[in-house]
């Protein structure tokens, strides 16, 4: 497992973000975009990457990856599972959900991204939110960047910054 704490933007630290993901980010456009939005966030962000499981069946890969992902998530964290079966939220609704968690005393948010075969059912069932990034299929590294952009957008909405325009 690779763990990397990233420096984020200045400002009040009222949230802590964890990205728990299967696979290792390589250099390139999607990784650069992820880093750009991570740097803009006012919240500290940690990326914990686990290796894709080597197993003969997809079911076994999902199970092994799920076990490894669960171990990376601190107890008490809000769990957001990224899955195609999840809810499609507007950016404003997503920001309000984050504010609700923060205001209820749950400042640790863990975003969980599975491997090529998806997420373990246990992670989906135990999630506080199952979130979809639309109905299309996205590359996993691009999904990370999209999550980071939406987190930055949520922080802008919550602070009244003009980045998000309606």
N, C-alpha and C. Protein backbone atom coordinates (compact mmCIF):
# COMPACT_ATOMS: atom_id res chain seq x y z
N UNK A 1 0.85 -1.18 0.00
CA UNK A 1 0.00 0.00 0.00
C UNK A 1 0.89 1.23 0.00
N UNK A 2 0.58 2.18 -0.85
CA UNK A 2 1.28 3.44 -0.90
C UNK A 2 0.43 4.48 -0.21
N UNK A 3 1.03 5.23 0.68
CA UNK A 3 0.31 6.33 1.32
C UNK A 3 1.09 7.59 1.10
N UNK A 4 0.37 8.61 0.70
CA UNK A 4 1.02 9.88 0.43
C UNK A 4 0.13 10.97 0.97
N UNK A 5 0.65 11.78 1.86
CA UNK A 5 -0.08 12.95 2.34
C UNK A 5 0.30 14.10 1.43
N UNK A 6 -0.70 14.81 1.00
CA UNK A 6 -0.45 15.90 0.07
C UNK A 6 -0.74 17.23 0.75
N UNK A 7 0.03 18.21 0.39
CA UNK A 7 -0.18 19.54 0.91
C UNK A 7 -1.34 20.15 0.16
N UNK A 8 -2.22 20.78 0.88
CA UNK A 8 -3.32 21.44 0.22
C UNK A 8 -3.27 22.92 0.49
N UNK A 9 -4.25 23.60 -0.07
CA UNK A 9 -4.30 25.06 0.04
C UNK A 9 -4.42 25.54 1.46
N UNK A 10 -4.32 26.82 1.61
CA UNK A 10 -4.41 27.46 2.92
C UNK A 10 -5.87 27.61 3.31
N UNK A 11 -6.09 27.90 4.57
CA UNK A 11 -7.45 28.15 5.03
C UNK A 11 -7.80 27.28 6.22
N UNK A 12 -9.03 27.41 6.67
CA UNK A 12 -9.48 26.64 7.81
C UNK A 12 -9.42 25.16 7.48
N UNK A 13 -8.90 24.39 8.40
CA UNK A 13 -8.84 22.94 8.23
C UNK A 13 -9.99 22.36 9.05
N UNK A 14 -11.16 22.30 8.43
CA UNK A 14 -12.30 21.75 9.14
C UNK A 14 -12.72 20.41 8.58
N UNK A 15 -12.00 19.93 7.60
CA UNK A 15 -12.26 18.62 7.01
C UNK A 15 -10.92 17.97 6.70
N UNK A 16 -10.93 16.65 6.69
CA UNK A 16 -9.77 15.88 6.26
C UNK A 16 -10.28 14.87 5.23
N UNK A 17 -9.57 14.79 4.12
CA UNK A 17 -10.00 13.95 3.00
C UNK A 17 -9.04 12.78 2.84
N UNK A 18 -9.60 11.59 2.66
CA UNK A 18 -8.83 10.40 2.32
C UNK A 18 -9.36 9.88 1.00
N UNK A 19 -8.47 9.61 0.08
CA UNK A 19 -8.82 8.92 -1.15
C UNK A 19 -8.20 7.53 -1.02
N UNK A 20 -9.04 6.51 -0.93
CA UNK A 20 -8.60 5.12 -0.84
C UNK A 20 -8.91 4.48 -2.19
N UNK A 21 -7.87 4.06 -2.90
CA UNK A 21 -8.08 3.63 -4.27
C UNK A 21 -7.26 2.40 -4.62
N UNK A 22 -7.81 1.59 -5.48
CA UNK A 22 -7.09 0.44 -6.03
C UNK A 22 -6.30 0.94 -7.23
N UNK A 23 -5.05 0.54 -7.29
CA UNK A 23 -4.21 0.92 -8.42
C UNK A 23 -3.26 2.05 -8.06
N UNK A 24 -2.24 2.17 -8.85
CA UNK A 24 -1.22 3.18 -8.61
C UNK A 24 -1.28 4.23 -9.71
N UNK A 25 -1.30 5.49 -9.27
CA UNK A 25 -1.33 6.59 -10.24
C UNK A 25 0.04 6.72 -10.90
N UNK A 26 0.01 6.90 -12.19
CA UNK A 26 1.24 7.16 -12.93
C UNK A 26 1.19 8.59 -13.43
N UNK A 27 2.32 9.06 -13.86
CA UNK A 27 2.34 10.43 -14.38
C UNK A 27 1.47 10.51 -15.63
N UNK A 28 1.01 11.68 -15.91
CA UNK A 28 0.16 11.90 -17.07
C UNK A 28 -0.94 12.89 -16.77
N UNK A 29 -1.77 13.10 -17.73
CA UNK A 29 -2.80 14.13 -17.63
C UNK A 29 -3.76 13.95 -16.47
N UNK A 30 -4.29 12.75 -16.27
CA UNK A 30 -5.26 12.53 -15.19
C UNK A 30 -4.59 12.73 -13.83
N UNK A 31 -3.36 12.25 -13.69
CA UNK A 31 -2.63 12.42 -12.44
C UNK A 31 -2.34 13.90 -12.18
N UNK A 32 -1.93 14.62 -13.23
CA UNK A 32 -1.64 16.05 -13.09
C UNK A 32 -2.89 16.81 -12.68
N UNK A 33 -4.04 16.45 -13.26
CA UNK A 33 -5.30 17.11 -12.90
C UNK A 33 -5.66 16.82 -11.44
N UNK A 34 -5.47 15.58 -11.01
CA UNK A 34 -5.70 15.22 -9.62
C UNK A 34 -4.84 16.10 -8.70
N UNK A 35 -3.56 16.21 -9.03
CA UNK A 35 -2.63 17.01 -8.22
C UNK A 35 -3.01 18.49 -8.22
N UNK A 36 -3.47 19.00 -9.35
CA UNK A 36 -3.89 20.40 -9.41
C UNK A 36 -5.00 20.69 -8.43
N UNK A 37 -6.04 19.87 -8.43
CA UNK A 37 -7.16 20.11 -7.52
C UNK A 37 -6.83 19.80 -6.07
N UNK A 38 -5.96 18.83 -5.85
CA UNK A 38 -5.51 18.55 -4.49
C UNK A 38 -4.82 19.78 -3.91
N UNK A 39 -4.00 20.42 -4.72
CA UNK A 39 -3.29 21.62 -4.28
C UNK A 39 -4.19 22.80 -4.01
N UNK A 40 -5.34 22.84 -4.63
CA UNK A 40 -6.28 23.94 -4.43
C UNK A 40 -7.19 23.75 -3.22
N UNK A 41 -7.32 22.52 -2.77
CA UNK A 41 -8.24 22.24 -1.66
C UNK A 41 -7.77 22.89 -0.36
N UNK A 42 -8.69 23.44 0.41
CA UNK A 42 -8.31 23.98 1.73
C UNK A 42 -8.20 22.88 2.78
N UNK A 43 -8.54 21.66 2.41
CA UNK A 43 -8.56 20.54 3.35
C UNK A 43 -7.37 19.62 3.08
N UNK A 44 -6.71 19.14 4.12
CA UNK A 44 -5.61 18.19 3.90
C UNK A 44 -6.15 16.90 3.29
N UNK A 45 -5.36 16.37 2.37
CA UNK A 45 -5.78 15.19 1.61
C UNK A 45 -4.69 14.13 1.66
N UNK A 46 -5.11 12.90 1.87
CA UNK A 46 -4.20 11.76 1.86
C UNK A 46 -4.68 10.78 0.81
N UNK A 47 -3.75 10.28 0.02
CA UNK A 47 -4.04 9.24 -0.97
C UNK A 47 -3.45 7.93 -0.47
N UNK A 48 -4.28 6.93 -0.35
CA UNK A 48 -3.82 5.58 0.01
C UNK A 48 -4.17 4.66 -1.15
N UNK A 49 -3.13 4.17 -1.79
CA UNK A 49 -3.30 3.30 -2.94
C UNK A 49 -2.97 1.87 -2.53
N UNK A 50 -3.81 0.96 -2.97
CA UNK A 50 -3.52 -0.46 -2.75
C UNK A 50 -3.33 -1.11 -4.12
N UNK A 51 -2.53 -2.13 -4.14
CA UNK A 51 -2.28 -2.85 -5.39
C UNK A 51 -3.52 -3.61 -5.81
N UNK A 52 -3.73 -3.67 -7.11
CA UNK A 52 -4.81 -4.50 -7.63
C UNK A 52 -4.51 -5.95 -7.26
N UNK A 53 -5.53 -6.64 -6.79
CA UNK A 53 -5.36 -8.03 -6.35
C UNK A 53 -5.11 -8.94 -7.55
N UNK A 54 -4.26 -9.90 -7.34
CA UNK A 54 -4.01 -10.91 -8.37
C UNK A 54 -4.81 -12.14 -7.97
N UNK A 55 -5.86 -12.39 -8.70
CA UNK A 55 -6.72 -13.54 -8.43
C UNK A 55 -7.29 -14.03 -9.75
N UNK A 56 -7.68 -15.28 -9.75
CA UNK A 56 -8.21 -15.86 -10.99
C UNK A 56 -9.60 -15.34 -11.35
N UNK A 57 -10.39 -15.03 -10.35
CA UNK A 57 -11.76 -14.60 -10.66
C UNK A 57 -11.99 -13.15 -10.21
N UNK A 58 -12.92 -12.50 -10.90
CA UNK A 58 -13.28 -11.13 -10.54
C UNK A 58 -13.83 -11.08 -9.12
N UNK A 59 -14.63 -12.07 -8.75
CA UNK A 59 -15.22 -12.11 -7.41
C UNK A 59 -14.14 -12.13 -6.34
N UNK A 60 -13.11 -12.92 -6.54
CA UNK A 60 -12.01 -13.01 -5.57
C UNK A 60 -11.20 -11.71 -5.56
N UNK A 61 -10.97 -11.10 -6.74
CA UNK A 61 -10.26 -9.82 -6.78
C UNK A 61 -11.02 -8.76 -6.00
N UNK A 62 -12.31 -8.67 -6.22
CA UNK A 62 -13.14 -7.69 -5.52
C UNK A 62 -13.07 -7.92 -4.01
N UNK A 63 -13.15 -9.17 -3.59
CA UNK A 63 -13.10 -9.49 -2.15
C UNK A 63 -11.77 -9.06 -1.55
N UNK A 64 -10.67 -9.42 -2.18
CA UNK A 64 -9.34 -9.08 -1.66
C UNK A 64 -9.11 -7.57 -1.65
N UNK A 65 -9.48 -6.91 -2.72
CA UNK A 65 -9.31 -5.46 -2.77
C UNK A 65 -10.18 -4.78 -1.72
N UNK A 66 -11.39 -5.28 -1.53
CA UNK A 66 -12.29 -4.73 -0.52
C UNK A 66 -11.70 -4.83 0.87
N UNK A 67 -11.13 -5.99 1.20
CA UNK A 67 -10.50 -6.17 2.51
C UNK A 67 -9.36 -5.18 2.70
N UNK A 68 -8.54 -4.99 1.67
CA UNK A 68 -7.41 -4.07 1.76
C UNK A 68 -7.89 -2.62 1.87
N UNK A 69 -8.92 -2.26 1.12
CA UNK A 69 -9.44 -0.89 1.18
C UNK A 69 -10.00 -0.56 2.56
N UNK A 70 -10.77 -1.49 3.13
CA UNK A 70 -11.39 -1.26 4.44
C UNK A 70 -10.31 -0.96 5.48
N UNK A 71 -9.17 -1.63 5.39
CA UNK A 71 -8.08 -1.42 6.35
C UNK A 71 -7.48 -0.02 6.26
N UNK A 72 -7.66 0.67 5.16
CA UNK A 72 -7.07 2.01 4.99
C UNK A 72 -7.94 3.12 5.56
N UNK A 73 -9.19 2.81 5.89
CA UNK A 73 -10.16 3.85 6.27
C UNK A 73 -10.21 3.97 7.79
N UNK A 74 -9.89 5.14 8.33
CA UNK A 74 -9.97 5.33 9.79
C UNK A 74 -11.40 5.16 10.29
N UNK A 75 -11.53 4.59 11.48
CA UNK A 75 -12.88 4.42 12.04
C UNK A 75 -13.48 5.80 12.28
N UNK A 76 -14.77 5.87 12.14
CA UNK A 76 -15.49 7.12 12.32
C UNK A 76 -15.55 8.00 11.09
N UNK A 77 -14.82 7.62 10.04
CA UNK A 77 -14.84 8.41 8.81
C UNK A 77 -16.17 8.26 8.09
N UNK A 78 -16.59 9.33 7.45
CA UNK A 78 -17.70 9.24 6.51
C UNK A 78 -17.17 8.48 5.32
N UNK A 79 -17.88 7.44 4.91
CA UNK A 79 -17.46 6.64 3.76
C UNK A 79 -18.31 6.99 2.54
N UNK A 80 -17.62 7.37 1.48
CA UNK A 80 -18.28 7.65 0.21
C UNK A 80 -17.73 6.64 -0.78
N UNK A 81 -18.58 5.72 -1.21
CA UNK A 81 -18.18 4.70 -2.18
C UNK A 81 -18.52 5.20 -3.58
N UNK A 82 -17.55 5.13 -4.47
CA UNK A 82 -17.79 5.50 -5.86
C UNK A 82 -18.20 4.25 -6.61
N UNK A 83 -19.43 4.27 -7.13
CA UNK A 83 -19.96 3.10 -7.81
C UNK A 83 -21.01 3.55 -8.81
N UNK A 84 -21.06 2.88 -9.94
CA UNK A 84 -22.02 3.26 -10.99
C UNK A 84 -23.47 3.15 -10.53
N UNK A 85 -23.73 2.38 -9.47
CA UNK A 85 -25.10 2.24 -8.96
C UNK A 85 -25.48 3.37 -8.01
N UNK A 86 -24.55 4.28 -7.76
CA UNK A 86 -24.77 5.33 -6.78
C UNK A 86 -25.64 6.47 -7.26
N UNK A 87 -25.80 7.43 -6.37
CA UNK A 87 -26.60 8.61 -6.65
C UNK A 87 -25.82 9.59 -7.52
N UNK A 88 -26.52 10.27 -8.39
CA UNK A 88 -25.96 11.38 -9.16
C UNK A 88 -26.40 12.65 -8.46
N UNK A 89 -25.48 13.35 -7.82
CA UNK A 89 -25.80 14.56 -7.08
C UNK A 89 -25.33 15.78 -7.84
N UNK A 90 -26.07 16.87 -7.70
CA UNK A 90 -25.58 18.13 -8.23
C UNK A 90 -24.41 18.59 -7.35
N UNK A 91 -23.61 19.49 -7.87
CA UNK A 91 -22.49 20.01 -7.08
C UNK A 91 -22.98 20.70 -5.82
N UNK A 92 -24.08 21.44 -5.91
CA UNK A 92 -24.63 22.12 -4.73
C UNK A 92 -25.10 21.12 -3.68
N UNK A 93 -25.76 20.06 -4.11
CA UNK A 93 -26.23 19.04 -3.17
C UNK A 93 -25.05 18.33 -2.53
N UNK A 94 -24.02 18.04 -3.30
CA UNK A 94 -22.82 17.42 -2.78
C UNK A 94 -22.17 18.32 -1.72
N UNK A 95 -22.06 19.60 -2.02
CA UNK A 95 -21.48 20.55 -1.05
C UNK A 95 -22.30 20.59 0.24
N UNK A 96 -23.62 20.60 0.10
CA UNK A 96 -24.48 20.61 1.29
C UNK A 96 -24.30 19.34 2.12
N UNK A 97 -24.13 18.21 1.45
CA UNK A 97 -23.91 16.95 2.16
C UNK A 97 -22.60 17.00 2.95
N UNK A 98 -21.56 17.53 2.33
CA UNK A 98 -20.27 17.67 3.01
C UNK A 98 -20.41 18.59 4.22
N UNK A 99 -21.09 19.71 4.04
CA UNK A 99 -21.30 20.64 5.16
C UNK A 99 -22.08 19.98 6.29
N UNK A 100 -23.05 19.17 5.95
CA UNK A 100 -23.85 18.47 6.96
C UNK A 100 -22.97 17.52 7.77
N UNK A 101 -22.12 16.75 7.09
CA UNK A 101 -21.22 15.85 7.80
C UNK A 101 -20.27 16.64 8.69
N UNK A 102 -19.69 17.70 8.14
CA UNK A 102 -18.75 18.53 8.90
C UNK A 102 -19.44 19.11 10.13
N UNK A 103 -20.63 19.67 9.94
CA UNK A 103 -21.35 20.34 11.03
C UNK A 103 -21.86 19.36 12.08
N UNK A 104 -21.97 18.08 11.71
CA UNK A 104 -22.41 17.08 12.69
C UNK A 104 -21.23 16.44 13.42
N UNK A 105 -20.03 16.98 13.20
CA UNK A 105 -18.86 16.50 13.92
C UNK A 105 -18.15 15.33 13.27
N UNK A 106 -18.34 15.15 11.97
CA UNK A 106 -17.65 14.06 11.24
C UNK A 106 -16.75 14.67 10.17
N UNK A 107 -15.60 15.17 10.58
CA UNK A 107 -14.75 15.90 9.64
C UNK A 107 -13.88 15.04 8.74
N UNK A 108 -13.86 13.72 8.95
CA UNK A 108 -13.03 12.85 8.12
C UNK A 108 -13.87 12.20 7.04
N UNK A 109 -13.54 12.49 5.78
CA UNK A 109 -14.25 11.93 4.64
C UNK A 109 -13.34 10.97 3.90
N UNK A 110 -13.79 9.75 3.69
CA UNK A 110 -13.03 8.74 2.95
C UNK A 110 -13.78 8.41 1.66
N UNK A 111 -13.15 8.69 0.53
CA UNK A 111 -13.70 8.36 -0.77
C UNK A 111 -13.04 7.07 -1.23
N UNK A 112 -13.85 6.06 -1.54
CA UNK A 112 -13.34 4.72 -1.83
C UNK A 112 -13.61 4.39 -3.29
N UNK A 113 -12.52 4.13 -4.02
CA UNK A 113 -12.60 3.79 -5.44
C UNK A 113 -12.04 2.39 -5.64
N UNK A 114 -12.84 1.53 -6.21
CA UNK A 114 -12.44 0.15 -6.42
C UNK A 114 -11.58 -0.03 -7.65
N UNK A 115 -11.28 -1.28 -7.93
CA UNK A 115 -10.48 -1.63 -9.09
C UNK A 115 -11.34 -1.82 -10.33
N UNK A 116 -10.76 -2.43 -11.33
CA UNK A 116 -11.43 -2.62 -12.62
C UNK A 116 -12.72 -3.42 -12.51
N UNK A 117 -12.82 -4.29 -11.49
CA UNK A 117 -14.01 -5.12 -11.33
C UNK A 117 -15.05 -4.51 -10.40
N UNK A 118 -14.74 -3.35 -9.81
CA UNK A 118 -15.70 -2.69 -8.94
C UNK A 118 -15.35 -2.82 -7.47
N UNK A 119 -16.31 -2.41 -6.64
CA UNK A 119 -16.14 -2.42 -5.19
C UNK A 119 -16.82 -3.61 -4.56
N UNK A 120 -16.28 -4.04 -3.44
CA UNK A 120 -16.90 -5.11 -2.67
C UNK A 120 -18.25 -4.65 -2.15
N UNK A 121 -19.19 -5.55 -2.15
CA UNK A 121 -20.55 -5.24 -1.69
C UNK A 121 -20.54 -4.72 -0.25
N UNK A 122 -19.65 -5.24 0.58
CA UNK A 122 -19.53 -4.79 1.96
C UNK A 122 -19.25 -3.29 2.04
N UNK A 123 -18.39 -2.80 1.17
CA UNK A 123 -18.06 -1.36 1.17
C UNK A 123 -19.26 -0.56 0.72
N UNK A 124 -19.95 -1.02 -0.29
CA UNK A 124 -21.12 -0.31 -0.78
C UNK A 124 -22.21 -0.27 0.30
N UNK A 125 -22.45 -1.41 0.96
CA UNK A 125 -23.49 -1.47 2.01
C UNK A 125 -23.16 -0.58 3.20
N UNK A 126 -21.87 -0.48 3.55
CA UNK A 126 -21.49 0.27 4.75
C UNK A 126 -21.24 1.76 4.47
N UNK A 127 -21.37 2.17 3.23
CA UNK A 127 -21.09 3.57 2.87
C UNK A 127 -22.19 4.51 3.38
N UNK A 128 -21.76 5.70 3.76
CA UNK A 128 -22.71 6.75 4.12
C UNK A 128 -23.36 7.33 2.86
N UNK A 129 -22.63 7.24 1.76
CA UNK A 129 -23.13 7.70 0.47
C UNK A 129 -22.50 6.83 -0.60
N UNK A 130 -23.32 6.35 -1.52
CA UNK A 130 -22.81 5.69 -2.72
C UNK A 130 -23.02 6.70 -3.84
N UNK A 131 -21.92 7.10 -4.44
CA UNK A 131 -21.92 8.21 -5.39
C UNK A 131 -21.51 7.73 -6.76
N UNK A 132 -22.24 8.15 -7.78
CA UNK A 132 -21.88 7.89 -9.17
C UNK A 132 -21.41 9.18 -9.80
N UNK A 133 -20.49 9.06 -10.71
CA UNK A 133 -20.01 10.24 -11.45
C UNK A 133 -20.67 10.27 -12.82
N UNK A 134 -21.97 10.02 -12.84
CA UNK A 134 -22.71 9.95 -14.08
C UNK A 134 -22.90 8.50 -14.49
N UNK A 135 -23.56 8.31 -15.59
CA UNK A 135 -23.88 6.96 -16.03
C UNK A 135 -22.83 6.36 -16.96
N UNK A 136 -21.88 7.19 -17.40
CA UNK A 136 -20.81 6.67 -18.25
C UNK A 136 -19.74 6.01 -17.39
N UNK A 137 -18.94 5.16 -18.01
CA UNK A 137 -17.81 4.54 -17.35
C UNK A 137 -16.59 5.44 -17.55
N UNK A 138 -15.86 5.69 -16.44
CA UNK A 138 -14.68 6.55 -16.50
C UNK A 138 -13.44 5.75 -16.09
N UNK A 139 -12.29 6.08 -16.67
CA UNK A 139 -11.05 5.46 -16.20
C UNK A 139 -10.84 5.79 -14.72
N UNK A 140 -10.28 4.85 -13.96
CA UNK A 140 -10.15 5.04 -12.52
C UNK A 140 -9.31 6.25 -12.16
N UNK A 141 -8.23 6.51 -12.90
CA UNK A 141 -7.40 7.67 -12.58
C UNK A 141 -8.13 8.97 -12.88
N UNK A 142 -8.95 8.98 -13.91
CA UNK A 142 -9.73 10.17 -14.21
C UNK A 142 -10.82 10.36 -13.15
N UNK A 143 -11.39 9.27 -12.66
CA UNK A 143 -12.40 9.37 -11.59
C UNK A 143 -11.80 10.03 -10.35
N UNK A 144 -10.56 9.71 -10.03
CA UNK A 144 -9.90 10.38 -8.89
C UNK A 144 -9.85 11.88 -9.11
N UNK A 145 -9.45 12.29 -10.31
CA UNK A 145 -9.36 13.72 -10.61
C UNK A 145 -10.75 14.37 -10.54
N UNK A 146 -11.77 13.66 -11.01
CA UNK A 146 -13.13 14.21 -10.98
C UNK A 146 -13.61 14.38 -9.53
N UNK A 147 -13.28 13.43 -8.68
CA UNK A 147 -13.64 13.55 -7.26
C UNK A 147 -12.96 14.78 -6.67
N UNK A 148 -11.67 14.95 -6.95
CA UNK A 148 -10.94 16.09 -6.40
C UNK A 148 -11.51 17.41 -6.91
N UNK A 149 -11.88 17.46 -8.18
CA UNK A 149 -12.47 18.70 -8.70
C UNK A 149 -13.78 18.99 -7.99
N UNK A 150 -14.61 17.99 -7.77
CA UNK A 150 -15.87 18.21 -7.10
C UNK A 150 -15.67 18.59 -5.63
N UNK A 151 -14.64 18.07 -4.99
CA UNK A 151 -14.32 18.49 -3.62
C UNK A 151 -13.88 19.95 -3.61
N UNK A 152 -13.06 20.34 -4.58
CA UNK A 152 -12.65 21.74 -4.67
C UNK A 152 -13.88 22.62 -4.94
N UNK A 153 -14.74 22.18 -5.83
CA UNK A 153 -15.95 22.94 -6.14
C UNK A 153 -16.82 23.06 -4.89
N UNK A 154 -16.95 21.98 -4.13
CA UNK A 154 -17.73 22.02 -2.88
C UNK A 154 -17.14 23.02 -1.91
N UNK A 155 -15.82 23.03 -1.78
CA UNK A 155 -15.19 23.99 -0.86
C UNK A 155 -15.44 25.42 -1.33
N UNK A 156 -15.44 25.63 -2.65
CA UNK A 156 -15.72 26.96 -3.19
C UNK A 156 -17.17 27.36 -2.91
N UNK A 157 -18.09 26.44 -3.10
CA UNK A 157 -19.51 26.72 -2.83
C UNK A 157 -19.69 27.07 -1.35
N UNK A 158 -19.09 26.27 -0.48
CA UNK A 158 -19.27 26.48 0.96
C UNK A 158 -18.63 27.77 1.45
N UNK A 159 -17.59 28.24 0.77
CA UNK A 159 -16.93 29.48 1.19
C UNK A 159 -17.45 30.71 0.45
N UNK A 160 -18.36 30.50 -0.51
CA UNK A 160 -18.89 31.63 -1.28
C UNK A 160 -17.95 32.11 -2.38
N UNK A 161 -16.94 31.34 -2.69
CA UNK A 161 -15.98 31.68 -3.75
C UNK A 161 -16.68 31.59 -5.10
N UNK A 162 -16.35 32.45 -6.05
CA UNK A 162 -17.07 32.47 -7.33
C UNK A 162 -16.68 31.35 -8.32
N UNK A 163 -15.83 30.39 -7.94
CA UNK A 163 -15.46 29.31 -8.85
C UNK A 163 -16.70 28.61 -9.40
N UNK A 164 -17.67 28.36 -8.53
CA UNK A 164 -18.89 27.69 -8.98
C UNK A 164 -19.93 28.74 -9.33
N UNK A 165 -20.35 28.72 -10.56
CA UNK A 165 -21.39 29.66 -11.01
C UNK A 165 -22.62 28.88 -11.39
N UNK A 166 -23.75 29.45 -11.04
CA UNK A 166 -25.01 28.78 -11.41
C UNK A 166 -25.59 29.41 -12.63
